Amino acid sequence: MAQLTITPAAADQIRRVLDERGSGLGLRVSVKPSGCSGYSYVLDFADDVAEDDATFEEHGVSVFVAPDALEMLDGSEVDYVNEGLNRFFRFNNPNVKDECGCGESFTV
């Protein structure tokens, strides 16, 4: 069974954006072919749950992952970080073999 963990900081941010939006079940995470290294993460609101979505719940929030992304995300940690003026979700993904120089795409 696939694993995905959500840090308290990521859970707080997911809760915050859902509250601001006023609706949604959680965060939807997928991957798409992109960039110079192969794939990039895609984040969206989850307004419904597909029958084949994998659901991960932690710290009172849910993250939904489509089956085609599950193998690439297995074992990942979803975090939310502040670095200087930048704030973003970070994926600590043990499956990543290489990343492009700008950090926008990865290879598994």
Protein backbone atom coordinates (compact mmCIF):
# COMPACT_ATOMS: atom_id res chain seq x y z
CA MET A 1 0.00 0.00 0.00
CA ALA A 2 1.32 3.43 -0.96
CA GLN A 3 2.29 5.94 1.71
CA LEU A 4 2.17 9.74 1.73
CA THR A 5 2.63 11.89 4.83
CA ILE A 6 1.44 15.42 5.45
CA THR A 7 3.40 17.69 7.80
CA PRO A 8 1.57 19.90 10.30
CA ALA A 9 2.71 22.97 8.31
CA ALA A 10 1.25 21.55 5.07
CA ALA A 11 -1.99 20.64 6.87
CA ASP A 12 -2.30 24.17 8.24
CA GLN A 13 -1.84 25.65 4.76
CA ILE A 14 -4.30 23.24 3.15
CA ARG A 15 -6.86 24.12 5.81
CA ARG A 16 -6.16 27.85 5.33
CA VAL A 17 -6.64 27.84 1.55
CA LEU A 18 -9.78 25.69 1.78
CA ASP A 19 -11.22 28.08 4.39
CA GLU A 20 -10.40 31.10 2.19
CA ARG A 21 -11.96 29.38 -0.81
CA GLY A 22 -15.02 28.39 1.18
CA SER A 23 -15.27 24.87 -0.23
CA GLY A 24 -13.30 21.77 -1.11
CA LEU A 25 -12.52 18.39 0.34
CA GLY A 26 -8.75 18.70 0.34
CA LEU A 27 -5.72 18.98 -1.91
CA ARG A 28 -5.39 16.99 -5.15
CA VAL A 29 -1.83 16.09 -6.15
CA SER A 30 -0.83 14.68 -9.50
CA VAL A 31 2.17 14.73 -11.81
CA LYS A 32 2.46 15.66 -15.47
CA PRO A 33 5.19 15.39 -18.07
CA SER A 34 6.94 18.74 -17.98
CA GLY A 35 10.22 20.61 -17.82
CA CYS A 36 13.70 19.51 -18.65
CA SER A 37 13.81 16.59 -16.20
CA GLY A 38 10.58 14.81 -17.00
CA TYR A 39 7.74 15.50 -14.52
CA SER A 40 6.32 18.26 -12.37
CA TYR A 41 3.86 18.27 -9.51
CA VAL A 42 0.35 19.56 -10.13
CA LEU A 43 -1.69 20.88 -7.20
CA ASP A 44 -5.38 21.62 -7.29
CA PHE A 45 -8.40 21.73 -5.02
CA ALA A 46 -10.29 18.48 -4.64
CA ASP A 47 -14.00 19.21 -4.92
CA ASP A 48 -14.91 15.57 -5.39
CA VAL A 49 -13.25 12.20 -5.02
CA ALA A 50 -12.75 9.89 -7.98
CA GLU A 51 -13.47 6.24 -7.30
CA ASP A 52 -9.84 5.28 -7.94
CA ASP A 53 -8.20 8.17 -6.02
CA ALA A 54 -5.90 7.24 -3.15
CA THR A 55 -6.82 9.27 -0.07
CA PHE A 56 -4.34 10.22 2.63
CA GLU A 57 -5.58 11.87 5.82
CA GLU A 58 -3.41 13.41 8.49
CA HIS A 59 -3.72 16.35 10.88
CA GLY A 60 -7.38 16.81 9.94
CA VAL A 61 -6.87 17.31 6.18
CA SER A 62 -7.02 15.09 3.11
CA VAL A 63 -4.72 14.76 0.12
CA PHE A 64 -6.02 12.90 -2.93
CA VAL A 65 -3.69 11.26 -5.46
CA ALA A 66 -4.71 9.88 -8.85
CA PRO A 67 -3.65 6.27 -9.48
CA ASP A 68 -1.27 7.20 -12.32
CA ALA A 69 0.77 9.37 -9.93
CA LEU A 70 0.72 7.05 -6.94
CA GLU A 71 3.85 5.08 -7.76
CA MET A 72 5.88 8.26 -8.32
CA LEU A 73 4.64 9.81 -5.06
CA ASP A 74 4.84 6.71 -2.85
CA GLY A 75 6.75 7.47 0.34
CA SER A 76 6.64 11.24 -0.19
CA GLU A 77 6.16 13.86 2.47
CA VAL A 78 4.08 16.95 1.64
CA ASP A 79 5.45 19.97 3.49
CA TYR A 80 4.83 23.72 3.37
CA VAL A 81 7.89 25.93 3.75
CA ASN A 82 8.81 29.58 4.04
CA GLU A 83 12.14 30.49 2.45
CA GLY A 84 12.73 34.22 2.50
CA LEU A 85 9.84 35.78 0.60
CA ASN A 86 8.83 32.47 -0.97
CA ARG A 87 6.16 30.18 0.45
CA PHE A 88 5.36 26.89 -1.24
CA PHE A 89 4.47 23.24 -0.90
CA ARG A 90 7.58 21.07 -1.00
CA PHE A 91 7.58 17.38 -1.82
CA ASN A 92 10.24 15.35 -0.09
CA ASN A 93 10.03 12.48 -2.55
CA PRO A 94 12.39 9.51 -2.08
CA ASN A 95 11.68 8.33 -5.65
CA VAL A 96 13.29 11.36 -7.30
CA LYS A 97 16.53 10.43 -9.05
CA ASP A 98 17.33 13.87 -10.48
CA GLU A 99 15.93 17.40 -10.59
CA CYS A 100 16.42 20.20 -13.07
CA GLY A 101 18.51 23.16 -12.00
CA CYS A 102 15.52 25.41 -11.37
CA GLY A 103 13.74 22.75 -9.29
CA GLU A 104 10.58 22.78 -11.40
CA SER A 105 10.79 19.21 -12.68
CA PHE A 106 12.13 15.84 -11.63
CA THR A 107 13.01 12.35 -12.87
CA VAL A 108 11.99 9.12 -11.17
